[in-house]
């Protein structure tokens, strides 16, 4: 049996919170699986989440440079360049230089890229529609509570790297 590290809040056991946390764990695992699984947007080619996200940004911001796309995605220009190369090889984008010195590179969706972009937009519209359908029937005060909970979750997730370090120190 694995022994747990001592923690000052170990005596605050609450079955309702345990059930909530179990549900959260399942939801996060499902979300991670969705993000990890490649999709066929209709052309018989598997696209990974990073590729779909790049296509989405390129579709929404057709005049954005590679550097701008990197900034919008919160990743490095090198990561965008690697993903763009894969998408170019798959026939979903074309890259072009936007200036005389060739330093600024732009991405243009091909016909296949436009279809994949449209697929992604349709997918998110349907997911959002289903969620909105449920949320519409909630009382305004319940919506506020859920929004506050989501904000708290975001804050906790933001703190996770530091929390991991603290727990590591506690467990030494």
Protein backbone atom coordinates (compact mmCIF):
# COMPACT_ATOMS: atom_id res chain seq x y z
CA UNK A 1 0.00 0.00 0.00
CA UNK A 2 1.24 3.48 -0.91
CA UNK A 3 1.71 5.80 2.06
CA UNK A 4 0.46 9.37 1.69
CA UNK A 5 2.57 12.34 2.70
CA UNK A 6 1.33 14.10 5.83
CA UNK A 7 -0.81 17.15 5.15
CA UNK A 8 -2.43 19.57 7.64
CA UNK A 9 -5.88 19.30 6.00
CA UNK A 10 -6.08 15.50 6.00
CA UNK A 11 -8.87 15.55 8.62
CA UNK A 12 -11.28 17.53 6.38
CA UNK A 13 -12.70 14.48 4.58
CA UNK A 14 -16.11 15.17 2.98
CA UNK A 15 -17.83 12.50 0.84
CA UNK A 16 -19.66 15.14 -1.27
CA UNK A 17 -16.39 16.86 -2.12
CA UNK A 18 -14.77 13.49 -2.83
CA UNK A 19 -17.58 12.74 -5.31
CA UNK A 20 -17.15 16.14 -6.95
CA UNK A 21 -13.41 15.61 -7.24
CA UNK A 22 -13.94 12.14 -8.77
CA UNK A 23 -16.23 13.71 -11.39
CA UNK A 24 -13.67 16.45 -12.09
CA UNK A 25 -10.93 13.84 -12.51
CA UNK A 26 -13.07 11.93 -15.03
CA UNK A 27 -13.90 15.14 -16.94
CA UNK A 28 -10.27 16.19 -17.13
CA UNK A 29 -9.23 12.71 -18.28
CA UNK A 30 -11.90 12.77 -21.00
CA UNK A 31 -10.81 16.26 -22.10
CA UNK A 32 -7.18 15.13 -22.23
CA UNK A 33 -8.17 12.11 -24.35
CA UNK A 34 -10.13 14.32 -26.75
CA UNK A 35 -7.16 16.68 -27.08
CA UNK A 36 -4.78 13.77 -27.65
CA UNK A 37 -6.85 11.92 -30.26
CA UNK A 38 -6.35 12.90 -33.91
CA UNK A 39 -9.44 13.51 -36.05
CA UNK A 40 -10.38 13.01 -39.67
CA UNK A 41 -12.16 16.19 -40.78
CA UNK A 42 -13.49 14.48 -43.89
CA UNK A 43 -10.45 14.09 -46.15
CA UNK A 44 -9.22 10.76 -44.78
CA UNK A 45 -6.21 12.49 -43.17
CA UNK A 46 -5.68 12.49 -39.42
CA UNK A 47 -5.09 15.91 -37.90
CA UNK A 48 -3.76 16.41 -34.39
CA UNK A 49 -5.07 19.02 -31.98
CA UNK A 50 -2.06 21.28 -32.49
CA UNK A 51 -2.69 21.17 -36.25
CA UNK A 52 -6.40 21.88 -35.86
CA UNK A 53 -5.65 24.81 -33.54
CA UNK A 54 -3.19 26.29 -36.02
CA UNK A 55 -5.75 25.92 -38.82
CA UNK A 56 -8.35 27.58 -36.61
CA UNK A 57 -6.14 30.60 -35.85
CA UNK A 58 -5.09 30.86 -39.51
CA UNK A 59 -8.77 30.73 -40.53
CA UNK A 60 -9.85 33.34 -38.01
CA UNK A 61 -6.86 35.62 -38.65
CA UNK A 62 -5.87 35.15 -42.32
CA UNK A 63 -3.47 38.13 -42.30
CA UNK A 64 -1.58 37.04 -39.18
CA UNK A 65 2.11 36.20 -39.49
CA UNK A 66 3.62 33.00 -38.08
CA UNK A 67 4.88 35.05 -35.12
CA UNK A 68 1.40 36.42 -34.55
CA UNK A 69 -0.09 32.93 -34.71
CA UNK A 70 2.48 31.73 -32.17
CA UNK A 71 1.51 34.59 -29.87
CA UNK A 72 -2.20 33.84 -30.20
CA UNK A 73 -1.63 30.14 -29.49
CA UNK A 74 0.76 30.83 -26.61
CA UNK A 75 3.50 28.68 -28.12
CA UNK A 76 6.90 29.33 -29.68
CA UNK A 77 7.39 30.36 -33.29
CA UNK A 78 9.44 27.17 -33.71
CA UNK A 79 6.47 25.05 -32.62
CA UNK A 80 4.25 26.88 -35.09
CA UNK A 81 6.84 26.35 -37.81
CA UNK A 82 7.00 22.59 -37.13
CA UNK A 83 3.21 22.26 -37.13
CA UNK A 84 2.93 24.41 -40.26
CA UNK A 85 5.44 22.19 -42.04
CA UNK A 86 3.32 19.12 -41.26
CA UNK A 87 0.14 20.87 -42.42
CA UNK A 88 1.87 22.01 -45.60
CA UNK A 89 2.98 18.42 -46.31
CA UNK A 90 -0.60 17.25 -45.73
CA UNK A 91 -1.90 19.91 -48.14
CA UNK A 92 -3.84 22.04 -45.66
CA UNK A 93 -1.82 25.26 -45.82
CA UNK A 94 0.62 27.15 -48.00
CA UNK A 95 3.34 29.35 -46.52
CA UNK A 96 4.48 32.57 -48.13
CA UNK A 97 6.88 35.38 -47.41
CA UNK A 98 5.24 38.70 -46.76
CA UNK A 99 8.16 41.04 -47.25
CA UNK A 100 11.30 41.56 -49.30
CA UNK A 101 13.71 40.07 -46.79
CA UNK A 102 11.66 36.87 -46.37
CA UNK A 103 11.63 37.06 -42.56
CA UNK A 104 7.89 37.47 -42.14
CA UNK A 105 6.04 34.29 -43.05
CA UNK A 106 2.29 34.02 -43.54
CA UNK A 107 -0.01 31.02 -43.73
CA UNK A 108 -2.84 30.61 -46.20
CA UNK A 109 -5.42 27.86 -45.92
CA UNK A 110 -5.78 25.66 -48.99
CA UNK A 111 -9.17 24.28 -50.02
CA UNK A 112 -8.53 21.27 -47.74
CA UNK A 113 -7.50 23.68 -44.97
CA UNK A 114 -10.70 25.66 -45.41
CA UNK A 115 -12.75 22.43 -45.17
CA UNK A 116 -10.89 21.42 -41.99
CA UNK A 117 -11.41 24.93 -40.58
CA UNK A 118 -15.15 24.72 -41.37
CA UNK A 119 -15.30 21.25 -39.75
CA UNK A 120 -13.67 22.61 -36.58
CA UNK A 121 -16.03 25.59 -36.46
CA UNK A 122 -19.04 23.26 -36.89
CA UNK A 123 -17.75 20.96 -34.17
CA UNK A 124 -17.36 23.81 -31.68
CA UNK A 125 -20.71 25.34 -32.64
CA UNK A 126 -22.41 22.02 -31.86
CA UNK A 127 -20.56 21.48 -28.57
CA UNK A 128 -21.33 25.07 -27.54
CA UNK A 129 -24.98 24.71 -28.62
CA UNK A 130 -25.41 21.62 -26.46
CA UNK A 131 -23.84 23.30 -23.45
CA UNK A 132 -25.82 26.53 -23.97
CA UNK A 133 -29.03 24.50 -24.19
CA UNK A 134 -28.37 23.17 -20.69
CA UNK A 135 -27.11 26.45 -19.22
CA UNK A 136 -30.14 28.44 -20.47
CA UNK A 137 -32.43 26.63 -18.02
CA UNK A 138 -30.27 27.41 -14.97
CA UNK A 139 -31.27 30.13 -12.57
CA UNK A 140 -29.10 33.28 -12.79
CA UNK A 141 -27.75 32.67 -9.27
CA UNK A 142 -26.72 29.13 -10.24
CA UNK A 143 -24.92 30.49 -13.30
CA UNK A 144 -23.01 32.89 -11.04
CA UNK A 145 -22.03 30.05 -8.70
CA UNK A 146 -20.79 27.91 -11.59
CA UNK A 147 -18.86 30.86 -13.06
CA UNK A 148 -17.24 31.43 -9.66
CA UNK A 149 -16.36 27.74 -9.42
CA UNK A 150 -14.80 27.78 -12.90
CA UNK A 151 -12.80 30.86 -11.96
CA UNK A 152 -11.59 29.10 -8.82
CA UNK A 153 -10.63 26.02 -10.86
CA UNK A 154 -8.65 28.20 -13.25
CA UNK A 155 -6.83 29.80 -10.32
CA UNK A 156 -6.06 26.40 -8.78
CA UNK A 157 -4.76 25.11 -12.13
CA UNK A 158 -2.60 28.24 -12.47
CA UNK A 159 -1.10 27.42 -9.06
CA UNK A 160 -0.46 23.72 -9.80
CA UNK A 161 3.21 24.05 -10.84
CA UNK A 162 4.07 25.80 -7.56
CA UNK A 163 1.85 23.41 -5.60
CA UNK A 164 3.70 20.42 -7.09
CA UNK A 165 6.99 21.85 -5.85
CA UNK A 166 5.58 22.43 -2.36
CA UNK A 167 4.17 18.89 -2.13
CA UNK A 168 7.48 17.47 -3.33
CA UNK A 169 9.23 19.31 -0.48
CA UNK A 170 6.64 18.04 2.04
CA UNK A 171 7.16 14.47 0.92
CA UNK A 172 10.94 14.43 1.24
